[in-house]
Amino acid sequence: MALHDSYARATPWEFLFESAGEARDFVSAVGEEAEGRGAQPDTLESFLTMGSVDHLIRRLEGAVDQDGALVRFGGLAFQAYHFTKAGCPLYLLSVHAARYLVEGVPPGRPEPPATSGYVQLPQHLFWASEVGSGEAPASIDGIFWTSAPSGILHTLVVTGVRPDRPGIGVVPLPAAPLADASTWLDTDTRGGSGDFSASLPGAELDGLYQVSTAGELLKLLARFFAYVAGVPSCLEAMDPHTGSDAPRPSSLSYSRVRLSA
């Protein structure tokens, strides 16, 4: 994990689009269609009815064969649309900072650092079960968020990002009012059984975390928001990694979230 804590890995956005130009073309297509129909792409329900969104989903390998593909991968397209419009704000959460956020509530108010973004978690530190798959838990790569003008926060968890094979797992979380984020900071979502505790083989030895409720992910995201708002010195601007290390590095500039004094 130490190696992959030092640079941002290729993001789901880079698996979805072959280039930044293709992403911008998608944003333009959605914008033109929305204007022509008098629709609002900031509303997920309206966004999912657009032909340009359906076209994007249908070209994703294996997406159309999965149950609920429109909602799940449409949610990914929604996040990618707003992520692109926001300038692709990418945050790499370091291992030490991640453990700090799991262990307690940081200073600061849980206000997103951008209207849309992606926080990438340390590789193979957080685990969750793929929804409806019945398979073993999958490694969580990160969490997308988009804050709509209405005050609703849309979030999407991404699992199974691997450069050696196509396909990723996406799990939309329930939309929730951003105004409620302060209540997520210290909510006991498992009812006393220990949020983030893991039953995975070797979990105790490696210090792994497991999530089994949407509330745990919202708690982690709210604590991330609070930390970067309350301790801005934790953010370190980074250029894309240019080494030959595996896994494939992201081509995006990013902010490394470190444990700051």
C-alpha atoms as a PDB file:
ATOM      1  CA  MET A   1       0.000   0.000   0.000  1.00  0.00           C
ATOM      2  CA  ALA A   2       2.904   2.388   0.641  1.00  0.00           C
ATOM      3  CA  LEU A   3       3.811   2.601  -3.071  1.00  0.00           C
ATOM      4  CA  HIS A   4       0.254   3.372  -4.138  1.00  0.00           C
ATOM      5  CA  ASP A   5      -0.093   5.969  -1.407  1.00  0.00           C
ATOM      6  CA  SER A   6       2.483   8.106  -3.197  1.00  0.00           C
ATOM      7  CA  TYR A   7       0.578   8.871  -6.412  1.00  0.00           C
ATOM      8  CA  ALA A   8      -2.941   8.935  -7.821  1.00  0.00           C
ATOM      9  CA  ARG A   9      -3.980   5.849  -9.777  1.00  0.00           C
ATOM     10  CA  ALA A  10      -5.936   5.984 -13.025  1.00  0.00           C
ATOM     11  CA  THR A  11      -9.461   7.078 -12.179  1.00  0.00           C
ATOM     12  CA  PRO A  12     -12.848   5.756 -13.349  1.00  0.00           C
ATOM     13  CA  TRP A  13     -13.133   8.978 -15.382  1.00  0.00           C
ATOM     14  CA  GLU A  14     -10.068   7.885 -17.381  1.00  0.00           C
ATOM     15  CA  PHE A  15     -11.533   4.426 -17.947  1.00  0.00           C
ATOM     16  CA  LEU A  16     -14.810   6.000 -19.119  1.00  0.00           C
ATOM     17  CA  PHE A  17     -13.252   8.449 -21.586  1.00  0.00           C
ATOM     18  CA  GLU A  18     -10.294   7.893 -23.882  1.00  0.00           C
ATOM     19  CA  SER A  19      -9.256  11.537 -23.615  1.00  0.00           C
ATOM     20  CA  ALA A  20     -10.144  14.829 -21.983  1.00  0.00           C
ATOM     21  CA  GLY A  21     -11.448  15.953 -25.369  1.00  0.00           C
ATOM     22  CA  GLU A  22     -13.919  13.073 -25.439  1.00  0.00           C
ATOM     23  CA  ALA A  23     -15.104  14.037 -21.960  1.00  0.00           C
ATOM     24  CA  ARG A  24     -15.612  17.639 -23.046  1.00  0.00           C
ATOM     25  CA  ASP A  25     -17.525  16.451 -26.126  1.00  0.00           C
ATOM     26  CA  PHE A  26     -19.841  14.456 -23.868  1.00  0.00           C
ATOM     27  CA  VAL A  27     -20.429  17.502 -21.681  1.00  0.00           C
ATOM     28  CA  SER A  28     -21.228  19.574 -24.775  1.00  0.00           C
ATOM     29  CA  ALA A  29     -23.606  16.925 -26.143  1.00  0.00           C
ATOM     30  CA  VAL A  30     -25.484  16.716 -22.852  1.00  0.00           C
ATOM     31  CA  GLY A  31     -25.632  20.502 -22.582  1.00  0.00           C
ATOM     32  CA  GLU A  32     -26.979  20.935 -26.112  1.00  0.00           C
ATOM     33  CA  GLU A  33     -29.579  18.213 -25.633  1.00  0.00           C
ATOM     34  CA  ALA A  34     -30.649  19.645 -22.276  1.00  0.00           C
ATOM     35  CA  GLU A  35     -31.021  23.121 -23.768  1.00  0.00           C
ATOM     36  CA  GLY A  36     -33.057  21.789 -26.671  1.00  0.00           C
ATOM     37  CA  ARG A  37     -35.411  19.927 -24.369  1.00  0.00           C
ATOM     38  CA  GLY A  38     -35.576  22.529 -21.627  1.00  0.00           C
ATOM     39  CA  ALA A  39     -34.203  19.927 -19.210  1.00  0.00           C
ATOM     40  CA  GLN A  40     -31.833  20.269 -16.275  1.00  0.00           C
ATOM     41  CA  PRO A  41     -28.700  18.063 -16.320  1.00  0.00           C
ATOM     42  CA  ASP A  42     -28.226  18.913 -12.627  1.00  0.00           C
ATOM     43  CA  THR A  43     -31.186  16.655 -11.869  1.00  0.00           C
ATOM     44  CA  LEU A  44     -30.290  12.960 -12.007  1.00  0.00           C
ATOM     45  CA  GLU A  45     -33.764  11.884 -13.078  1.00  0.00           C
ATOM     46  CA  SER A  46     -33.711  14.281 -16.035  1.00  0.00           C
ATOM     47  CA  PHE A  47     -30.091  13.446 -16.872  1.00  0.00           C
ATOM     48  CA  LEU A  48     -30.894   9.736 -17.239  1.00  0.00           C
ATOM     49  CA  THR A  49     -33.521  10.405 -19.931  1.00  0.00           C
ATOM     50  CA  MET A  50     -31.037  11.951 -22.372  1.00  0.00           C
ATOM     51  CA  GLY A  51     -30.018  10.110 -25.528  1.00  0.00           C
ATOM     52  CA  SER A  52     -26.358  11.109 -25.223  1.00  0.00           C
ATOM     53  CA  VAL A  53     -26.253   9.476 -21.790  1.00  0.00           C
ATOM     54  CA  ASP A  54     -27.852   6.283 -23.087  1.00  0.00           C
ATOM     55  CA  HIS A  55     -25.301   6.205 -25.924  1.00  0.00           C
ATOM     56  CA  LEU A  56     -22.406   6.473 -23.483  1.00  0.00           C
ATOM     57  CA  ILE A  57     -23.732   3.671 -21.291  1.00  0.00           C
ATOM     58  CA  ARG A  58     -24.309   1.331 -24.226  1.00  0.00           C
ATOM     59  CA  ARG A  59     -20.688   1.477 -25.282  1.00  0.00           C
ATOM     60  CA  LEU A  60     -19.447   0.411 -21.840  1.00  0.00           C
ATOM     61  CA  GLU A  61     -18.333  -3.207 -21.915  1.00  0.00           C
ATOM     62  CA  GLY A  62     -20.818  -5.422 -20.077  1.00  0.00           C
ATOM     63  CA  ALA A  63     -22.903  -2.533 -18.717  1.00  0.00           C
ATOM     64  CA  VAL A  64     -26.067  -3.225 -20.720  1.00  0.00           C
ATOM     65  CA  ASP A  65     -26.110  -6.846 -19.567  1.00  0.00           C
ATOM     66  CA  GLN A  66     -26.260  -5.939 -15.889  1.00  0.00           C
ATOM     67  CA  ASP A  67     -29.449  -5.448 -13.916  1.00  0.00           C
ATOM     68  CA  GLY A  68     -30.159  -1.792 -13.225  1.00  0.00           C
ATOM     69  CA  ALA A  69     -27.478  -0.695 -15.697  1.00  0.00           C
ATOM     70  CA  LEU A  70     -29.186   2.626 -16.469  1.00  0.00           C
ATOM     71  CA  VAL A  71     -29.336   3.695 -12.830  1.00  0.00           C
ATOM     72  CA  ARG A  72     -25.886   2.396 -11.874  1.00  0.00           C
ATOM     73  CA  PHE A  73     -23.853   3.389 -14.936  1.00  0.00           C
ATOM     74  CA  GLY A  74     -26.093   6.370 -15.596  1.00  0.00           C
ATOM     75  CA  GLY A  75     -25.039   7.513 -12.147  1.00  0.00           C
ATOM     76  CA  LEU A  76     -21.408   7.125 -13.229  1.00  0.00           C
ATOM     77  CA  ALA A  77     -22.097   9.207 -16.354  1.00  0.00           C
ATOM     78  CA  PHE A  78     -23.804  11.834 -14.177  1.00  0.00           C
ATOM     79  CA  GLN A  79     -20.784  12.056 -11.899  1.00  0.00           C
ATOM     80  CA  ALA A  80     -18.351  12.098 -14.846  1.00  0.00           C
ATOM     81  CA  TYR A  81     -20.336  14.924 -16.472  1.00  0.00           C
ATOM     82  CA  HIS A  82     -20.155  17.119 -13.380  1.00  0.00           C
ATOM     83  CA  PHE A  83     -16.583  16.054 -12.576  1.00  0.00           C
ATOM     84  CA  THR A  84     -15.535  17.278 -16.030  1.00  0.00           C
ATOM     85  CA  LYS A  85     -17.449  20.546 -15.694  1.00  0.00           C
ATOM     86  CA  ALA A  86     -15.810  21.186 -12.306  1.00  0.00           C
ATOM     87  CA  GLY A  87     -12.322  20.791 -13.798  1.00  0.00           C
ATOM     88  CA  CYS A  88     -11.699  17.200 -12.619  1.00  0.00           C
ATOM     89  CA  PRO A  89     -10.952  17.822  -8.912  1.00  0.00           C
ATOM     90  CA  LEU A  90      -9.109  14.678  -7.779  1.00  0.00           C
ATOM     91  CA  TYR A  91      -8.070  14.041  -4.183  1.00  0.00           C
ATOM     92  CA  LEU A  92      -5.780  11.207  -3.089  1.00  0.00           C
ATOM     93  CA  LEU A  93      -6.375  10.255   0.532  1.00  0.00           C
ATOM     94  CA  SER A  94      -3.153   9.041   2.135  1.00  0.00           C
ATOM     95  CA  VAL A  95      -3.123   5.994   4.406  1.00  0.00           C
ATOM     96  CA  HIS A  96      -2.353   8.020   7.532  1.00  0.00           C
ATOM     97  CA  ALA A  97      -5.067  10.564   6.768  1.00  0.00           C
ATOM     98  CA  ALA A  98      -7.556   7.770   6.025  1.00  0.00           C
ATOM     99  CA  ARG A  99      -6.888   6.092   9.378  1.00  0.00           C
ATOM    100  CA  TYR A 100      -7.227   9.448  11.123  1.00  0.00           C
ATOM    101  CA  LEU A 101     -10.664   9.986   9.558  1.00  0.00           C
ATOM    102  CA  VAL A 102     -11.836   6.494  10.494  1.00  0.00           C
ATOM    103  CA  GLU A 103     -10.780   6.946  14.110  1.00  0.00           C
ATOM    104  CA  GLY A 104     -12.571  10.197  14.871  1.00  0.00           C
ATOM    105  CA  VAL A 105     -14.246  13.429  13.842  1.00  0.00           C
ATOM    106  CA  PRO A 106     -11.779  16.002  12.431  1.00  0.00           C
ATOM    107  CA  PRO A 107     -12.082  19.771  12.923  1.00  0.00           C
ATOM    108  CA  GLY A 108     -14.014  21.784  10.381  1.00  0.00           C
ATOM    109  CA  ARG A 109     -17.459  21.897   8.809  1.00  0.00           C
ATOM    110  CA  PRO A 110     -18.314  19.200   6.241  1.00  0.00           C
ATOM    111  CA  GLU A 111     -18.359  21.452   3.192  1.00  0.00           C
ATOM    112  CA  PRO A 112     -17.205  19.959  -0.143  1.00  0.00           C
ATOM    113  CA  PRO A 113     -13.994  21.498  -1.521  1.00  0.00           C
ATOM    114  CA  ALA A 114     -15.621  21.571  -4.991  1.00  0.00           C
ATOM    115  CA  THR A 115     -19.117  21.170  -6.420  1.00  0.00           C
ATOM    116  CA  SER A 116     -18.016  17.799  -7.816  1.00  0.00           C
ATOM    117  CA  GLY A 117     -14.962  15.640  -7.244  1.00  0.00           C
ATOM    118  CA  TYR A 118     -13.454  12.220  -6.680  1.00  0.00           C
ATOM    119  CA  VAL A 119     -11.664  11.153  -3.512  1.00  0.00           C
ATOM    120  CA  GLN A 120      -9.436   8.152  -4.177  1.00  0.00           C
ATOM    121  CA  LEU A 121      -8.851   5.894  -1.187  1.00  0.00           C
ATOM    122  CA  PRO A 122      -5.608   4.056  -0.429  1.00  0.00           C
ATOM    123  CA  GLN A 123      -5.519   0.944  -2.587  1.00  0.00           C
ATOM    124  CA  HIS A 124      -6.980  -2.169  -0.928  1.00  0.00           C
ATOM    125  CA  LEU A 125      -7.491  -0.466   2.442  1.00  0.00           C
ATOM    126  CA  PHE A 126     -11.318  -0.227   2.290  1.00  0.00           C
ATOM    127  CA  TRP A 127     -13.499  -3.142   1.200  1.00  0.00           C
ATOM    128  CA  ALA A 128     -17.196  -3.601   0.392  1.00  0.00           C
ATOM    129  CA  SER A 129     -19.375  -6.292  -1.133  1.00  0.00           C
ATOM    130  CA  GLU A 130     -20.474  -5.837  -4.738  1.00  0.00           C
ATOM    131  CA  VAL A 131     -24.213  -5.108  -4.625  1.00  0.00           C
ATOM    132  CA  GLY A 132     -26.281  -8.116  -5.687  1.00  0.00           C
ATOM    133  CA  SER A 133     -23.287 -10.158  -6.824  1.00  0.00           C
ATOM    134  CA  GLY A 134     -23.055 -12.601  -3.950  1.00  0.00           C
ATOM    135  CA  GLU A 135     -19.287 -12.489  -4.417  1.00  0.00           C
ATOM    136  CA  ALA A 136     -16.494 -11.779  -1.962  1.00  0.00           C
ATOM    137  CA  PRO A 137     -15.907  -8.159  -0.891  1.00  0.00           C
ATOM    138  CA  ALA A 138     -14.280  -5.892  -3.468  1.00  0.00           C
ATOM    139  CA  SER A 139     -11.687  -3.202  -2.916  1.00  0.00           C
ATOM    140  CA  ILE A 140     -13.111   0.329  -2.934  1.00  0.00           C
ATOM    141  CA  ASP A 141     -11.208   2.653  -5.251  1.00  0.00           C
ATOM    142  CA  GLY A 142     -12.963   5.865  -4.308  1.00  0.00           C
ATOM    143  CA  ILE A 143     -16.088   7.986  -4.019  1.00  0.00           C
ATOM    144  CA  PHE A 144     -17.538  10.492  -6.498  1.00  0.00           C
ATOM    145  CA  TRP A 145     -19.692  13.320  -5.227  1.00  0.00           C
ATOM    146  CA  THR A 146     -21.755  16.033  -6.878  1.00  0.00           C
ATOM    147  CA  SER A 147     -23.531  18.765  -4.968  1.00  0.00           C
ATOM    148  CA  ALA A 148     -26.583  19.939  -6.906  1.00  0.00           C
ATOM    149  CA  PRO A 149     -27.793  23.568  -6.793  1.00  0.00           C
ATOM    150  CA  SER A 150     -30.845  22.258  -4.923  1.00  0.00           C
ATOM    151  CA  GLY A 151     -28.598  21.283  -2.010  1.00  0.00           C
ATOM    152  CA  ILE A 152     -28.823  17.544  -2.693  1.00  0.00           C
ATOM    153  CA  LEU A 153     -25.590  15.550  -2.551  1.00  0.00           C
ATOM    154  CA  HIS A 154     -25.244  12.719  -5.080  1.00  0.00           C
ATOM    155  CA  THR A 155     -22.557  10.135  -4.320  1.00  0.00           C
ATOM    156  CA  LEU A 156     -21.263   7.055  -6.114  1.00  0.00           C
ATOM    157  CA  VAL A 157     -18.843   4.414  -4.832  1.00  0.00           C
ATOM    158  CA  VAL A 158     -16.465   2.797  -7.327  1.00  0.00           C
ATOM    159  CA  THR A 159     -14.974  -0.650  -6.754  1.00  0.00           C
ATOM    160  CA  GLY A 160     -12.801  -3.069  -8.668  1.00  0.00           C
ATOM    161  CA  VAL A 161     -10.742  -0.576 -10.701  1.00  0.00           C
ATOM    162  CA  ARG A 162      -7.922  -2.615 -12.206  1.00  0.00           C
ATOM    163  CA  PRO A 163      -5.726  -1.681 -15.196  1.00  0.00           C
ATOM    164  CA  ASP A 164      -5.327  -5.338 -16.218  1.00  0.00           C
ATOM    165  CA  ARG A 165      -8.981  -5.931 -17.077  1.00  0.00           C
ATOM    166  CA  PRO A 166     -12.008  -3.944 -18.327  1.00  0.00           C
ATOM    167  CA  GLY A 167     -14.973  -3.120 -16.156  1.00  0.00           C
ATOM    168  CA  ILE A 168     -15.520  -1.506 -12.784  1.00  0.00           C
ATOM    169  CA  GLY A 169     -18.138  -1.788 -10.083  1.00  0.00           C
ATOM    170  CA  VAL A 170     -20.358   1.200  -9.325  1.00  0.00           C
ATOM    171  CA  VAL A 171     -22.694   1.569  -6.355  1.00  0.00           C
ATOM    172  CA  PRO A 172     -24.914   4.686  -6.185  1.00  0.00           C
ATOM    173  CA  LEU A 173     -25.661   5.808  -2.643  1.00  0.00           C
ATOM    174  CA  PRO A 174     -29.002   7.396  -1.726  1.00  0.00           C
ATOM    175  CA  ALA A 175     -29.164  11.095  -2.535  1.00  0.00           C
ATOM    176  CA  ALA A 176     -29.180  13.168   0.652  1.00  0.00           C
ATOM    177  CA  PRO A 177     -29.368  16.830   1.689  1.00  0.00           C
ATOM    178  CA  LEU A 178     -25.876  18.271   2.055  1.00  0.00           C
ATOM    179  CA  ALA A 179     -27.215  20.252   5.017  1.00  0.00           C
ATOM    180  CA  ASP A 180     -27.404  16.949   6.918  1.00  0.00           C
ATOM    181  CA  ALA A 181     -23.689  16.194   6.463  1.00  0.00           C
ATOM    182  CA  SER A 182     -22.814  17.386   9.970  1.00  0.00           C
ATOM    183  CA  THR A 183     -24.998  14.610  11.388  1.00  0.00           C
ATOM    184  CA  TRP A 184     -23.051  11.971   9.434  1.00  0.00           C
ATOM    185  CA  LEU A 185     -19.779  12.800  11.151  1.00  0.00           C
ATOM    186  CA  ASP A 186     -20.355  10.728  14.284  1.00  0.00           C
ATOM    187  CA  THR A 187     -23.411   8.614  13.464  1.00  0.00           C
ATOM    188  CA  ASP A 188     -23.246   4.982  14.606  1.00  0.00           C
ATOM    189  CA  THR A 189     -24.447   3.367  11.389  1.00  0.00           C
ATOM    190  CA  ARG A 190     -24.050  -0.289  12.387  1.00  0.00           C
ATOM    191  CA  GLY A 191     -25.886   0.043  15.639  1.00  0.00           C
ATOM    192  CA  GLY A 192     -22.987  -0.637  17.967  1.00  0.00           C
ATOM    193  CA  SER A 193     -21.159  -3.335  16.004  1.00  0.00           C
ATOM    194  CA  GLY A 194     -18.272  -1.028  15.068  1.00  0.00           C
ATOM    195  CA  ASP A 195     -18.312   1.046  11.898  1.00  0.00           C
ATOM    196  CA  PHE A 196     -15.517   0.158   9.450  1.00  0.00           C
ATOM    197  CA  SER A 197     -14.613  -3.021  11.379  1.00  0.00           C
ATOM    198  CA  ALA A 198     -13.640  -5.878   9.068  1.00  0.00           C
ATOM    199  CA  SER A 199     -14.128  -9.640   9.149  1.00  0.00           C
ATOM    200  CA  LEU A 200     -11.879 -10.234   6.141  1.00  0.00           C
ATOM    201  CA  PRO A 201      -9.047 -12.771   6.403  1.00  0.00           C
ATOM    202  CA  GLY A 202      -5.949 -10.910   7.602  1.00  0.00           C
ATOM    203  CA  ALA A 203      -7.921  -7.713   8.225  1.00  0.00           C
ATOM    204  CA  GLU A 204      -6.612  -7.224  11.755  1.00  0.00           C
ATOM    205  CA  LEU A 205      -3.020  -7.867  10.744  1.00  0.00           C
ATOM    206  CA  ASP A 206      -3.133  -5.448   7.800  1.00  0.00           C
ATOM    207  CA  GLY A 207      -5.426  -2.904   9.454  1.00  0.00           C
ATOM    208  CA  LEU A 208      -8.108  -3.206   6.760  1.00  0.00           C
ATOM    209  CA  TYR A 209     -11.546  -1.595   6.870  1.00  0.00           C
ATOM    210  CA  GLN A 210     -14.853  -2.949   5.646  1.00  0.00           C
ATOM    211  CA  VAL A 211     -18.073  -1.049   4.934  1.00  0.00           C
ATOM    212  CA  SER A 212     -21.481  -2.698   5.017  1.00  0.00           C
ATOM    213  CA  THR A 213     -23.784   0.341   5.114  1.00  0.00           C
ATOM    214  CA  ALA A 214     -24.237   3.465   3.022  1.00  0.00           C
ATOM    215  CA  GLY A 215     -23.981   5.458   6.248  1.00  0.00           C
ATOM    216  CA  GLU A 216     -20.362   4.426   6.763  1.00  0.00           C
ATOM    217  CA  LEU A 217     -19.405   5.782   3.348  1.00  0.00           C
ATOM    218  CA  LEU A 218     -21.299   9.025   3.933  1.00  0.00           C
ATOM    219  CA  LYS A 219     -19.571   9.316   7.318  1.00  0.00           C
ATOM    220  CA  LEU A 220     -16.156   8.896   5.689  1.00  0.00           C
ATOM    221  CA  LEU A 221     -17.001  11.411   2.973  1.00  0.00           C
ATOM    222  CA  ALA A 222     -18.332  13.956   5.480  1.00  0.00           C
ATOM    223  CA  ARG A 223     -15.164  13.593   7.565  1.00  0.00           C
ATOM    224  CA  PHE A 224     -13.075  14.130   4.436  1.00  0.00           C
ATOM    225  CA  PHE A 225     -15.060  17.297   3.676  1.00  0.00           C
ATOM    226  CA  ALA A 226     -14.604  18.549   7.243  1.00  0.00           C
ATOM    227  CA  TYR A 227     -10.894  17.769   7.311  1.00  0.00           C
ATOM    228  CA  VAL A 228      -9.956  19.598   4.108  1.00  0.00           C
ATOM    229  CA  ALA A 229     -12.164  22.551   5.136  1.00  0.00           C
ATOM    230  CA  GLY A 230     -10.835  22.734   8.682  1.00  0.00           C
ATOM    231  CA  VAL A 231      -7.177  21.921   7.975  1.00  0.00           C
ATOM    232  CA  PRO A 232      -6.397  23.342   4.501  1.00  0.00           C
ATOM    233  CA  SER A 233      -2.691  22.684   5.066  1.00  0.00           C
ATOM    234  CA  CYS A 234      -3.442  18.974   4.653  1.00  0.00           C
ATOM    235  CA  LEU A 235      -3.733  19.505   0.891  1.00  0.00           C
ATOM    236  CA  GLU A 236      -0.627  19.211  -1.260  1.00  0.00           C
ATOM    237  CA  ALA A 237      -0.913  20.046  -4.970  1.00  0.00           C
ATOM    238  CA  MET A 238       0.608  17.299  -7.097  1.00  0.00           C
ATOM    239  CA  ASP A 239       1.399  16.865 -10.786  1.00  0.00           C
ATOM    240  CA  PRO A 240       0.568  13.576 -12.531  1.00  0.00           C
ATOM    241  CA  HIS A 241       2.967  10.753 -11.695  1.00  0.00           C
ATOM    242  CA  THR A 242       5.378   9.998 -14.557  1.00  0.00           C
ATOM    243  CA  GLY A 243       7.081   6.852 -13.266  1.00  0.00           C
ATOM    244  CA  SER A 244       6.639   3.341 -14.618  1.00  0.00           C
ATOM    245  CA  ASP A 245       5.225   1.955 -11.373  1.00  0.00           C
ATOM    246  CA  ALA A 246       2.153  -0.283 -11.439  1.00  0.00           C
ATOM    247  CA  PRO A 247      -0.741   0.261 -11.279  1.00  0.00           C
ATOM    248  CA  ARG A 248      -1.280   2.777 -14.055  1.00  0.00           C
ATOM    249  CA  PRO A 249      -1.010   6.331 -12.691  1.00  0.00           C
ATOM    250  CA  SER A 250      -3.629   8.977 -13.329  1.00  0.00           C
ATOM    251  CA  SER A 251      -2.973  11.568 -16.004  1.00  0.00           C
ATOM    252  CA  LEU A 252      -4.734  14.190 -13.880  1.00  0.00           C
ATOM    253  CA  SER A 253      -3.205  16.690 -11.525  1.00  0.00           C
ATOM    254  CA  TYR A 254      -4.472  16.068  -8.010  1.00  0.00           C
ATOM    255  CA  SER A 255      -4.383  17.117  -4.361  1.00  0.00           C
ATOM    256  CA  ARG A 256      -2.773  14.718  -1.936  1.00  0.00           C
ATOM    257  CA  VAL A 257      -4.587  14.676   1.409  1.00  0.00           C
ATOM    258  CA  ARG A 258      -1.966  14.075   4.072  1.00  0.00           C
ATOM    259  CA  LEU A 259      -2.058  13.975   7.847  1.00  0.00           C
ATOM    260  CA  SER A 260      -1.178  17.506   8.862  1.00  0.00           C
ATOM    261  CA  ALA A 261      -0.122  18.819  12.259  1.00  0.00           C
END
